Amino acid sequence: MSEEAPLPLATRLWFAWACLVRILFDGQFAARVFKAAVPALPPPEPEPAKLPEKAKKPEPKKPAEPDLSPALSLLALLQREGRLVDFLEQDIATFPDAEIGAAVRVVHEGCRKALHDHVTIVPVRSEDEGQKVTLEAGFSPAEVKLTGNVQGKPPYRGTIQHRGWKVAELHLPTPTEGHDPKILAPAEVEL
């Protein structure tokens, strides 16, 4: 397509004036000028070839919150039978030793009863404290904690300082419907 020579300024002014008047009074002409003035839309770009989707890594699942009901139930039992929470939350610094000793006996007796009624506890190790033992390779670090000068690899030879404890059986009461396990002891109001 050849480029045409530009029009002189006077011709362009007259042409602009004539077009303006005609656009104002001729709607069809105005529509044709408008359509000619709007550039045609470019053709749509071809869609890029779809690449195979990479296998999305599954989002790591948040670990489920542990069920704290059994722990809270046991703590509630220790509170009910031995008033353990009351004792631990009390500031005992101002009490004389004789009163603290008497309170400890009551708490100890109640908590021990609750523990023996609902939990069977057995020693981790059968040996007596003070007895010499040998720990072979493959011992469970969850069951035996090494203390002192720990060096090298098993077998380890040492002395039982504490036998450890583990739960053999647990028998907690079944909570009633509507029970909130976070309530360790309800508030008491005397009427």
N, C-alpha and C. Protein backbone atom coordinates (compact mmCIF):
# COMPACT_ATOMS: atom_id res chain seq x y z
N MET A 1 0.85 -1.17 0.00
CA MET A 1 0.00 0.00 0.00
C MET A 1 0.89 1.23 0.00
N SER A 2 0.67 2.13 -0.97
CA SER A 2 1.50 3.33 -1.07
C SER A 2 0.98 4.40 -0.14
N GLU A 3 1.90 5.21 0.37
CA GLU A 3 1.52 6.26 1.29
C GLU A 3 1.16 7.50 0.48
N GLU A 4 0.01 8.13 0.84
CA GLU A 4 -0.42 9.31 0.09
C GLU A 4 0.24 10.55 0.66
N ALA A 5 0.32 11.60 -0.18
CA ALA A 5 0.94 12.86 0.23
C ALA A 5 0.04 13.54 1.25
N PRO A 6 0.61 14.19 2.26
CA PRO A 6 -0.20 14.85 3.27
C PRO A 6 -0.95 16.06 2.68
N LEU A 7 -2.14 16.31 3.26
CA LEU A 7 -2.96 17.44 2.82
C LEU A 7 -2.43 18.72 3.47
N PRO A 8 -2.62 19.86 2.76
CA PRO A 8 -2.19 21.13 3.35
C PRO A 8 -3.07 21.49 4.55
N LEU A 9 -2.57 22.38 5.40
CA LEU A 9 -3.25 22.73 6.64
C LEU A 9 -4.64 23.32 6.38
N ALA A 10 -4.82 24.18 5.44
CA ALA A 10 -6.12 24.81 5.17
C ALA A 10 -7.13 23.75 4.77
N THR A 11 -6.71 22.79 3.95
CA THR A 11 -7.61 21.72 3.53
C THR A 11 -8.01 20.87 4.72
N ARG A 12 -7.05 20.60 5.56
CA ARG A 12 -7.35 19.77 6.75
C ARG A 12 -8.32 20.49 7.67
N LEU A 13 -8.16 21.81 7.85
CA LEU A 13 -9.08 22.57 8.72
C LEU A 13 -10.49 22.55 8.14
N TRP A 14 -10.61 22.81 6.84
CA TRP A 14 -11.93 22.77 6.22
C TRP A 14 -12.54 21.39 6.36
N PHE A 15 -11.74 20.31 6.11
CA PHE A 15 -12.23 18.92 6.20
C PHE A 15 -12.67 18.60 7.63
N ALA A 16 -11.90 19.02 8.61
CA ALA A 16 -12.26 18.77 10.02
C ALA A 16 -13.57 19.47 10.35
N TRP A 17 -13.73 20.73 9.86
CA TRP A 17 -14.97 21.47 10.14
C TRP A 17 -16.15 20.79 9.48
N ALA A 18 -16.01 20.35 8.26
CA ALA A 18 -17.09 19.69 7.56
C ALA A 18 -17.45 18.38 8.23
N CYS A 19 -16.44 17.62 8.64
CA CYS A 19 -16.71 16.34 9.33
C CYS A 19 -17.40 16.58 10.66
N LEU A 20 -16.96 17.61 11.38
CA LEU A 20 -17.56 17.90 12.67
C LEU A 20 -19.04 18.22 12.52
N VAL A 21 -19.37 19.07 11.56
CA VAL A 21 -20.77 19.43 11.35
C VAL A 21 -21.57 18.22 10.91
N ARG A 22 -21.02 17.42 10.01
CA ARG A 22 -21.76 16.26 9.54
C ARG A 22 -21.93 15.23 10.64
N ILE A 23 -20.88 15.02 11.48
CA ILE A 23 -20.99 14.08 12.60
C ILE A 23 -22.08 14.53 13.56
N LEU A 24 -22.17 15.86 13.78
CA LEU A 24 -23.18 16.37 14.71
C LEU A 24 -24.60 16.16 14.19
N PHE A 25 -24.81 16.27 12.88
CA PHE A 25 -26.16 16.22 12.35
C PHE A 25 -26.50 14.96 11.58
N ASP A 26 -25.56 14.05 11.34
CA ASP A 26 -25.83 12.81 10.61
C ASP A 26 -25.35 11.63 11.46
N GLY A 27 -26.29 10.96 12.10
CA GLY A 27 -25.97 9.86 13.01
C GLY A 27 -25.32 8.68 12.32
N GLN A 28 -25.79 8.36 11.10
CA GLN A 28 -25.20 7.23 10.39
C GLN A 28 -23.75 7.52 10.01
N PHE A 29 -23.48 8.73 9.57
CA PHE A 29 -22.11 9.11 9.24
C PHE A 29 -21.23 9.04 10.49
N ALA A 30 -21.76 9.52 11.60
CA ALA A 30 -21.00 9.49 12.86
C ALA A 30 -20.65 8.04 13.25
N ALA A 31 -21.62 7.12 13.05
CA ALA A 31 -21.37 5.72 13.39
C ALA A 31 -20.28 5.14 12.51
N ARG A 32 -20.30 5.47 11.17
CA ARG A 32 -19.28 4.96 10.27
C ARG A 32 -17.90 5.52 10.63
N VAL A 33 -17.82 6.80 10.99
CA VAL A 33 -16.54 7.40 11.37
C VAL A 33 -16.03 6.76 12.66
N PHE A 34 -16.96 6.55 13.58
CA PHE A 34 -16.56 5.95 14.86
C PHE A 34 -16.01 4.54 14.64
N LYS A 35 -16.71 3.78 13.80
CA LYS A 35 -16.27 2.41 13.53
C LYS A 35 -14.92 2.41 12.83
N ALA A 36 -14.70 3.34 11.92
CA ALA A 36 -13.42 3.41 11.21
C ALA A 36 -12.30 3.89 12.14
N ALA A 37 -12.63 4.72 13.12
CA ALA A 37 -11.61 5.26 14.02
C ALA A 37 -11.14 4.23 15.04
N VAL A 38 -12.01 3.28 15.40
CA VAL A 38 -11.64 2.25 16.38
C VAL A 38 -10.83 1.19 15.65
N PRO A 39 -9.60 0.98 16.05
CA PRO A 39 -8.81 -0.03 15.35
C PRO A 39 -9.42 -1.41 15.57
N ALA A 40 -9.28 -2.21 14.57
CA ALA A 40 -9.80 -3.58 14.68
C ALA A 40 -9.02 -4.31 15.77
N LEU A 41 -9.72 -5.14 16.47
CA LEU A 41 -9.06 -5.93 17.51
C LEU A 41 -8.08 -6.89 16.87
N PRO A 42 -6.93 -7.04 17.48
CA PRO A 42 -5.98 -8.00 16.91
C PRO A 42 -6.54 -9.40 17.04
N PRO A 43 -6.15 -10.26 16.14
CA PRO A 43 -6.67 -11.62 16.23
C PRO A 43 -6.22 -12.26 17.56
N PRO A 44 -7.04 -13.11 18.09
CA PRO A 44 -6.67 -13.73 19.36
C PRO A 44 -5.40 -14.56 19.20
N GLU A 45 -4.56 -14.49 20.23
CA GLU A 45 -3.32 -15.26 20.18
C GLU A 45 -3.66 -16.74 20.30
N PRO A 46 -2.93 -17.54 19.58
CA PRO A 46 -3.21 -18.98 19.69
C PRO A 46 -2.89 -19.45 21.11
N GLU A 47 -3.72 -20.36 21.56
CA GLU A 47 -3.51 -20.89 22.91
C GLU A 47 -2.22 -21.69 22.93
N PRO A 48 -1.40 -21.44 23.94
CA PRO A 48 -0.16 -22.22 24.00
C PRO A 48 -0.48 -23.68 24.25
N ALA A 49 0.36 -24.50 23.70
CA ALA A 49 0.15 -25.94 23.88
C ALA A 49 0.20 -26.24 25.37
N LYS A 50 -0.76 -27.00 25.81
CA LYS A 50 -0.82 -27.32 27.23
C LYS A 50 0.27 -28.31 27.57
N LEU A 51 1.05 -27.93 28.56
CA LEU A 51 2.07 -28.83 29.05
C LEU A 51 1.42 -29.76 30.06
N PRO A 52 1.89 -30.96 30.12
CA PRO A 52 1.30 -31.85 31.12
C PRO A 52 1.55 -31.27 32.51
N GLU A 53 0.49 -31.26 33.29
CA GLU A 53 0.61 -30.70 34.63
C GLU A 53 1.52 -31.57 35.47
N LYS A 54 2.38 -30.88 36.17
CA LYS A 54 3.26 -31.61 37.08
C LYS A 54 2.41 -32.15 38.22
N ALA A 55 2.76 -33.31 38.63
CA ALA A 55 2.03 -33.88 39.76
C ALA A 55 2.25 -32.98 40.96
N LYS A 56 1.16 -32.46 41.47
CA LYS A 56 1.27 -31.56 42.61
C LYS A 56 1.57 -32.38 43.86
N LYS A 57 2.50 -31.85 44.61
CA LYS A 57 2.80 -32.51 45.87
C LYS A 57 1.64 -32.25 46.81
N PRO A 58 1.17 -33.27 47.45
CA PRO A 58 0.08 -33.02 48.39
C PRO A 58 0.60 -32.15 49.52
N GLU A 59 -0.25 -31.20 49.91
CA GLU A 59 0.15 -30.33 51.00
C GLU A 59 0.27 -31.16 52.26
N PRO A 60 1.31 -30.88 53.01
CA PRO A 60 1.47 -31.68 54.23
C PRO A 60 0.29 -31.43 55.16
N LYS A 61 -0.22 -32.53 55.65
CA LYS A 61 -1.37 -32.42 56.53
C LYS A 61 -0.89 -32.05 57.92
N LYS A 62 -1.63 -31.16 58.52
CA LYS A 62 -1.30 -30.81 59.90
C LYS A 62 -1.65 -32.00 60.76
N PRO A 63 -0.76 -32.32 61.66
CA PRO A 63 -1.09 -33.46 62.52
C PRO A 63 -2.33 -33.14 63.34
N ALA A 64 -3.14 -34.16 63.48
CA ALA A 64 -4.36 -33.97 64.25
C ALA A 64 -3.99 -33.64 65.69
N GLU A 65 -4.76 -32.74 66.26
CA GLU A 65 -4.52 -32.39 67.65
C GLU A 65 -4.73 -33.62 68.50
N PRO A 66 -3.83 -33.87 69.43
CA PRO A 66 -3.98 -35.06 70.26
C PRO A 66 -5.21 -34.93 71.16
N ASP A 67 -5.82 -36.07 71.45
CA ASP A 67 -6.97 -36.08 72.34
C ASP A 67 -6.46 -35.98 73.77
N LEU A 68 -6.71 -34.85 74.37
CA LEU A 68 -6.23 -34.60 75.73
C LEU A 68 -7.22 -35.07 76.79
N SER A 69 -8.36 -35.60 76.36
CA SER A 69 -9.38 -36.00 77.33
C SER A 69 -8.87 -36.97 78.38
N PRO A 70 -8.12 -38.04 78.02
CA PRO A 70 -7.65 -38.95 79.07
C PRO A 70 -6.72 -38.27 80.08
N ALA A 71 -5.83 -37.42 79.60
CA ALA A 71 -4.92 -36.72 80.52
C ALA A 71 -5.70 -35.79 81.43
N LEU A 72 -6.67 -35.08 80.86
CA LEU A 72 -7.47 -34.17 81.67
C LEU A 72 -8.34 -34.94 82.65
N SER A 73 -8.83 -36.11 82.22
CA SER A 73 -9.64 -36.95 83.11
C SER A 73 -8.81 -37.42 84.30
N LEU A 74 -7.57 -37.84 84.06
CA LEU A 74 -6.69 -38.28 85.15
C LEU A 74 -6.38 -37.11 86.09
N LEU A 75 -6.13 -35.95 85.53
CA LEU A 75 -5.86 -34.77 86.35
C LEU A 75 -7.09 -34.41 87.19
N ALA A 76 -8.27 -34.55 86.61
CA ALA A 76 -9.51 -34.29 87.36
C ALA A 76 -9.66 -35.30 88.50
N LEU A 77 -9.30 -36.57 88.26
CA LEU A 77 -9.36 -37.59 89.32
C LEU A 77 -8.40 -37.24 90.46
N LEU A 78 -7.19 -36.81 90.13
CA LEU A 78 -6.22 -36.44 91.16
C LEU A 78 -6.69 -35.21 91.94
N GLN A 79 -7.41 -34.33 91.27
CA GLN A 79 -7.97 -33.17 91.97
C GLN A 79 -9.11 -33.60 92.88
N ARG A 80 -9.99 -34.45 92.37
CA ARG A 80 -11.16 -34.85 93.15
C ARG A 80 -10.76 -35.67 94.37
N GLU A 81 -9.83 -36.62 94.20
CA GLU A 81 -9.46 -37.51 95.30
C GLU A 81 -8.41 -36.90 96.23
N GLY A 82 -7.47 -36.13 95.66
CA GLY A 82 -6.37 -35.65 96.49
C GLY A 82 -6.21 -34.14 96.52
N ARG A 83 -7.09 -33.42 95.81
CA ARG A 83 -7.02 -31.96 95.75
C ARG A 83 -5.63 -31.50 95.29
N LEU A 84 -5.08 -32.25 94.32
CA LEU A 84 -3.73 -31.97 93.84
C LEU A 84 -3.61 -30.57 93.24
N VAL A 85 -4.55 -30.20 92.38
CA VAL A 85 -4.47 -28.89 91.73
C VAL A 85 -4.58 -27.78 92.77
N ASP A 86 -5.50 -27.95 93.74
CA ASP A 86 -5.62 -26.95 94.81
C ASP A 86 -4.29 -26.78 95.53
N PHE A 87 -3.65 -27.90 95.86
CA PHE A 87 -2.38 -27.86 96.58
C PHE A 87 -1.30 -27.18 95.75
N LEU A 88 -1.19 -27.55 94.47
CA LEU A 88 -0.14 -27.00 93.62
C LEU A 88 -0.36 -25.52 93.31
N GLU A 89 -1.60 -25.09 93.25
CA GLU A 89 -1.90 -23.69 92.95
C GLU A 89 -1.83 -22.81 94.20
N GLN A 90 -1.77 -23.40 95.36
CA GLN A 90 -1.70 -22.64 96.61
C GLN A 90 -0.26 -22.16 96.84
N ASP A 91 -0.10 -20.90 97.25
CA ASP A 91 1.22 -20.39 97.62
C ASP A 91 1.51 -20.86 99.04
N ILE A 92 2.41 -21.82 99.18
CA ILE A 92 2.66 -22.42 100.50
C ILE A 92 3.82 -21.76 101.24
N ALA A 93 4.39 -20.72 100.65
CA ALA A 93 5.56 -20.08 101.26
C ALA A 93 5.24 -19.48 102.63
N THR A 94 3.99 -19.06 102.84
CA THR A 94 3.64 -18.39 104.10
C THR A 94 3.19 -19.35 105.19
N PHE A 95 2.99 -20.62 104.85
CA PHE A 95 2.51 -21.58 105.84
C PHE A 95 3.67 -22.21 106.60
N PRO A 96 3.45 -22.54 107.87
CA PRO A 96 4.51 -23.23 108.62
C PRO A 96 4.67 -24.66 108.10
N ASP A 97 5.87 -25.22 108.28
CA ASP A 97 6.19 -26.55 107.78
C ASP A 97 5.23 -27.61 108.31
N ALA A 98 4.77 -27.48 109.53
CA ALA A 98 3.86 -28.48 110.11
C ALA A 98 2.55 -28.52 109.32
N GLU A 99 2.01 -27.36 108.94
CA GLU A 99 0.76 -27.31 108.16
C GLU A 99 0.99 -27.88 106.76
N ILE A 100 2.12 -27.55 106.17
CA ILE A 100 2.43 -28.08 104.83
C ILE A 100 2.56 -29.59 104.89
N GLY A 101 3.23 -30.09 105.91
CA GLY A 101 3.38 -31.54 106.07
C GLY A 101 2.04 -32.23 106.20
N ALA A 102 1.12 -31.64 106.99
CA ALA A 102 -0.21 -32.22 107.16
C ALA A 102 -0.97 -32.21 105.83
N ALA A 103 -0.86 -31.10 105.07
CA ALA A 103 -1.55 -31.00 103.79
C ALA A 103 -0.99 -32.01 102.79
N VAL A 104 0.32 -32.18 102.81
CA VAL A 104 0.96 -33.12 101.89
C VAL A 104 0.47 -34.54 102.16
N ARG A 105 0.28 -34.89 103.42
CA ARG A 105 -0.22 -36.24 103.74
C ARG A 105 -1.60 -36.46 103.13
N VAL A 106 -2.47 -35.46 103.23
CA VAL A 106 -3.83 -35.58 102.68
C VAL A 106 -3.77 -35.69 101.16
N VAL A 107 -2.98 -34.83 100.53
CA VAL A 107 -2.84 -34.84 99.07
C VAL A 107 -2.24 -36.17 98.62
N HIS A 108 -1.20 -36.62 99.29
CA HIS A 108 -0.54 -37.88 98.94
C HIS A 108 -1.50 -39.04 99.04
N GLU A 109 -2.24 -39.11 100.13
CA GLU A 109 -3.18 -40.23 100.33
C GLU A 109 -4.25 -40.25 99.25
N GLY A 110 -4.85 -39.09 98.96
CA GLY A 110 -5.91 -39.02 97.95
C GLY A 110 -5.42 -39.32 96.55
N CYS A 111 -4.27 -38.74 96.19
CA CYS A 111 -3.73 -38.95 94.84
C CYS A 111 -3.28 -40.40 94.65
N ARG A 112 -2.70 -40.97 95.69
CA ARG A 112 -2.26 -42.37 95.62
C ARG A 112 -3.46 -43.29 95.42
N LYS A 113 -4.55 -43.00 96.13
CA LYS A 113 -5.77 -43.79 95.99
C LYS A 113 -6.30 -43.68 94.55
N ALA A 114 -6.38 -42.47 94.03
CA ALA A 114 -6.88 -42.26 92.66
C ALA A 114 -6.00 -43.00 91.66
N LEU A 115 -4.70 -42.90 91.84
CA LEU A 115 -3.77 -43.56 90.93
C LEU A 115 -3.93 -45.07 90.98
N HIS A 116 -4.00 -45.64 92.18
CA HIS A 116 -4.13 -47.10 92.31
C HIS A 116 -5.49 -47.61 91.85
N ASP A 117 -6.53 -46.77 91.96
CA ASP A 117 -7.87 -47.18 91.51
C ASP A 117 -7.99 -47.21 89.98
N HIS A 118 -7.21 -46.38 89.29
CA HIS A 118 -7.43 -46.22 87.85
C HIS A 118 -6.23 -46.57 86.97
N VAL A 119 -5.05 -46.70 87.56
CA VAL A 119 -3.84 -46.94 86.76
C VAL A 119 -3.04 -48.07 87.40
N THR A 120 -2.61 -49.01 86.57
CA THR A 120 -1.69 -50.04 87.04
C THR A 120 -0.30 -49.61 86.60
N ILE A 121 0.55 -49.30 87.58
CA ILE A 121 1.89 -48.82 87.31
C ILE A 121 2.89 -49.90 87.72
N VAL A 122 3.85 -50.17 86.84
CA VAL A 122 4.87 -51.18 87.13
C VAL A 122 6.25 -50.56 86.88
N PRO A 123 7.29 -51.10 87.52
CA PRO A 123 8.64 -50.57 87.27
C PRO A 123 9.11 -50.91 85.85
N VAL A 124 9.90 -50.02 85.28
CA VAL A 124 10.49 -50.26 83.96
C VAL A 124 11.55 -51.36 84.07
N ARG A 125 12.39 -51.28 85.10
CA ARG A 125 13.44 -52.28 85.31
C ARG A 125 13.11 -53.10 86.56
N SER A 126 13.39 -54.38 86.52
CA SER A 126 13.07 -55.26 87.66
C SER A 126 14.16 -55.25 88.73
N GLU A 127 15.35 -54.78 88.39
CA GLU A 127 16.44 -54.76 89.36
C GLU A 127 16.18 -53.71 90.45
N ASP A 128 16.77 -53.93 91.61
CA ASP A 128 16.66 -52.96 92.71
C ASP A 128 17.60 -51.79 92.47
N GLU A 129 17.24 -50.64 93.05
CA GLU A 129 18.11 -49.47 92.96
C GLU A 129 19.43 -49.80 93.65
N GLY A 130 20.52 -49.37 93.04
CA GLY A 130 21.85 -49.65 93.56
C GLY A 130 22.48 -50.90 92.95
N GLN A 131 21.69 -51.71 92.25
CA GLN A 131 22.21 -52.95 91.66
C GLN A 131 22.94 -52.65 90.35
N LYS A 132 24.01 -53.38 90.08
CA LYS A 132 24.79 -53.24 88.84
C LYS A 132 24.06 -53.93 87.69
N VAL A 133 24.04 -53.28 86.51
CA VAL A 133 23.38 -53.85 85.33
C VAL A 133 24.25 -53.63 84.10
N THR A 134 23.99 -54.43 83.07
CA THR A 134 24.64 -54.26 81.77
C THR A 134 23.54 -54.03 80.74
N LEU A 135 23.67 -52.94 79.98
CA LEU A 135 22.71 -52.62 78.92
C LEU A 135 23.34 -53.01 77.59
N GLU A 136 22.74 -53.99 76.94
CA GLU A 136 23.24 -54.47 75.65
C GLU A 136 22.78 -53.53 74.53
N ALA A 137 23.38 -53.68 73.36
CA ALA A 137 22.97 -52.91 72.18
C ALA A 137 21.50 -53.19 71.91
N GLY A 138 20.75 -52.16 71.51
CA GLY A 138 19.34 -52.33 71.21
C GLY A 138 18.43 -52.01 72.39
N PHE A 139 19.00 -51.55 73.50
CA PHE A 139 18.13 -51.17 74.63
C PHE A 139 17.29 -49.97 74.21
N SER A 140 16.15 -49.78 74.85
CA SER A 140 15.24 -48.69 74.49
C SER A 140 15.60 -47.42 75.25
N PRO A 141 16.01 -46.36 74.53
CA PRO A 141 16.32 -45.11 75.21
C PRO A 141 15.07 -44.45 75.80
N ALA A 142 13.89 -44.89 75.38
CA ALA A 142 12.66 -44.38 75.99
C ALA A 142 12.48 -44.98 77.38
N GLU A 143 13.00 -46.17 77.58
CA GLU A 143 12.85 -46.85 78.87
C GLU A 143 14.04 -46.62 79.79
N VAL A 144 15.22 -46.39 79.25
CA VAL A 144 16.42 -46.23 80.08
C VAL A 144 17.13 -44.95 79.68
N LYS A 145 17.31 -44.07 80.65
CA LYS A 145 18.04 -42.82 80.42
C LYS A 145 19.44 -42.99 80.98
N LEU A 146 20.43 -42.81 80.12
CA LEU A 146 21.82 -42.92 80.56
C LEU A 146 22.27 -41.60 81.18
N THR A 147 22.90 -41.67 82.33
CA THR A 147 23.42 -40.47 83.00
C THR A 147 24.89 -40.70 83.33
N GLY A 148 25.55 -39.65 83.73
CA GLY A 148 26.96 -39.78 84.10
C GLY A 148 27.86 -39.65 82.90
N ASN A 149 28.95 -40.40 82.88
CA ASN A 149 29.95 -40.34 81.82
C ASN A 149 29.57 -41.32 80.71
N VAL A 150 28.77 -40.82 79.74
CA VAL A 150 28.29 -41.68 78.65
C VAL A 150 29.25 -41.55 77.48
N GLN A 151 29.95 -42.64 77.16
CA GLN A 151 30.90 -42.65 76.04
C GLN A 151 30.86 -43.99 75.35
N GLY A 152 31.19 -43.98 74.07
CA GLY A 152 31.31 -45.23 73.34
C GLY A 152 29.97 -45.83 72.96
N LYS A 153 30.02 -47.12 72.67
CA LYS A 153 28.83 -47.86 72.22
C LYS A 153 28.52 -48.96 73.22
N PRO A 154 27.26 -49.47 73.18
CA PRO A 154 26.90 -50.55 74.10
C PRO A 154 27.79 -51.76 73.87
N PRO A 155 27.92 -52.63 74.80
CA PRO A 155 27.19 -52.69 76.07
C PRO A 155 27.71 -51.65 77.07
N TYR A 156 26.75 -51.09 77.85
CA TYR A 156 27.07 -50.15 78.91
C TYR A 156 26.92 -50.87 80.25
N ARG A 157 27.82 -50.56 81.17
CA ARG A 157 27.72 -51.11 82.53
C ARG A 157 27.51 -49.95 83.48
N GLY A 158 26.51 -50.10 84.36
CA GLY A 158 26.22 -49.02 85.29
C GLY A 158 25.42 -49.51 86.47
N THR A 159 24.93 -48.56 87.27
CA THR A 159 24.18 -48.85 88.48
C THR A 159 22.78 -48.26 88.36
N ILE A 160 21.77 -49.03 88.73
CA ILE A 160 20.39 -48.54 88.70
C ILE A 160 20.25 -47.43 89.75
N GLN A 161 19.92 -46.22 89.29
CA GLN A 161 19.67 -45.11 90.20
C GLN A 161 18.17 -44.98 90.47
N HIS A 162 17.35 -45.31 89.48
CA HIS A 162 15.89 -45.29 89.62
C HIS A 162 15.34 -46.35 88.68
N ARG A 163 14.39 -47.12 89.16
CA ARG A 163 13.85 -48.23 88.36
C ARG A 163 12.96 -47.75 87.23
N GLY A 164 12.44 -46.55 87.31
CA GLY A 164 11.52 -46.04 86.29
C GLY A 164 10.12 -46.59 86.51
N TRP A 165 9.15 -45.96 85.88
CA TRP A 165 7.75 -46.40 85.97
C TRP A 165 7.13 -46.40 84.59
N LYS A 166 6.22 -47.33 84.37
CA LYS A 166 5.43 -47.31 83.14
C LYS A 166 4.02 -47.77 83.46
N VAL A 167 3.10 -47.38 82.63
CA VAL A 167 1.69 -47.73 82.82
C VAL A 167 1.44 -49.07 82.15
N ALA A 168 0.94 -50.02 82.93
CA ALA A 168 0.58 -51.33 82.38
C ALA A 168 -0.89 -51.33 81.95
N GLU A 169 -1.75 -50.68 82.73
CA GLU A 169 -3.18 -50.59 82.41
C GLU A 169 -3.70 -49.23 82.85
N LEU A 170 -4.70 -48.77 82.13
CA LEU A 170 -5.33 -47.49 82.45
C LEU A 170 -6.84 -47.67 82.35
N HIS A 171 -7.54 -47.38 83.43
CA HIS A 171 -9.00 -47.53 83.47
C HIS A 171 -9.60 -46.20 83.92
N LEU A 172 -9.88 -45.35 82.96
CA LEU A 172 -10.46 -44.05 83.30
C LEU A 172 -11.97 -44.13 83.14
N PRO A 173 -12.70 -43.37 83.95
CA PRO A 173 -14.15 -43.39 83.81
C PRO A 173 -14.57 -42.81 82.46
N THR A 174 -15.66 -43.33 81.92
CA THR A 174 -16.20 -42.82 80.67
C THR A 174 -16.89 -41.49 80.94
N PRO A 175 -16.52 -40.44 80.22
CA PRO A 175 -17.15 -39.15 80.47
C PRO A 175 -18.63 -39.18 80.09
N THR A 176 -19.41 -38.46 80.84
CA THR A 176 -20.84 -38.37 80.54
C THR A 176 -21.05 -37.41 79.38
N GLU A 177 -22.18 -37.55 78.71
CA GLU A 177 -22.48 -36.70 77.56
C GLU A 177 -22.58 -35.25 78.02
N GLY A 178 -21.97 -34.37 77.26
CA GLY A 178 -22.00 -32.96 77.59
C GLY A 178 -20.92 -32.54 78.57
N HIS A 179 -20.12 -33.51 79.02
CA HIS A 179 -19.05 -33.20 79.98
C HIS A 179 -17.91 -32.48 79.28
N ASP A 180 -17.44 -31.39 79.86
CA ASP A 180 -16.29 -30.66 79.32
C ASP A 180 -15.04 -31.15 80.04
N PRO A 181 -14.15 -31.88 79.34
CA PRO A 181 -12.98 -32.44 80.01
C PRO A 181 -12.02 -31.38 80.54
N LYS A 182 -12.15 -30.15 80.06
CA LYS A 182 -11.26 -29.10 80.54
C LYS A 182 -11.64 -28.59 81.93
N ILE A 183 -12.83 -28.94 82.39
CA ILE A 183 -13.24 -28.57 83.75
C ILE A 183 -12.70 -29.65 84.68
N LEU A 184 -11.62 -29.34 85.39
CA LEU A 184 -11.01 -30.31 86.30
C LEU A 184 -11.81 -30.43 87.58
N ALA A 185 -12.35 -29.33 88.05
CA ALA A 185 -13.20 -29.32 89.24
C ALA A 185 -14.14 -28.14 89.08
N PRO A 186 -15.44 -28.37 89.20
CA PRO A 186 -16.35 -27.25 89.05
C PRO A 186 -16.23 -26.29 90.24
N ALA A 187 -16.57 -25.06 90.00
CA ALA A 187 -16.61 -24.09 91.10
C ALA A 187 -17.75 -24.51 92.03
N GLU A 188 -17.59 -24.26 93.31
CA GLU A 188 -18.61 -24.63 94.29
C GLU A 188 -19.22 -23.37 94.87
N VAL A 189 -20.54 -23.34 94.91
CA VAL A 189 -21.26 -22.21 95.49
C VAL A 189 -22.19 -22.76 96.56
N GLU A 190 -22.00 -22.33 97.79
CA GLU A 190 -22.86 -22.77 98.89
C GLU A 190 -24.03 -21.82 98.99
N LEU A 191 -25.24 -22.37 99.07
CA LEU A 191 -26.46 -21.56 99.19
C LEU A 191 -26.99 -21.61 100.60
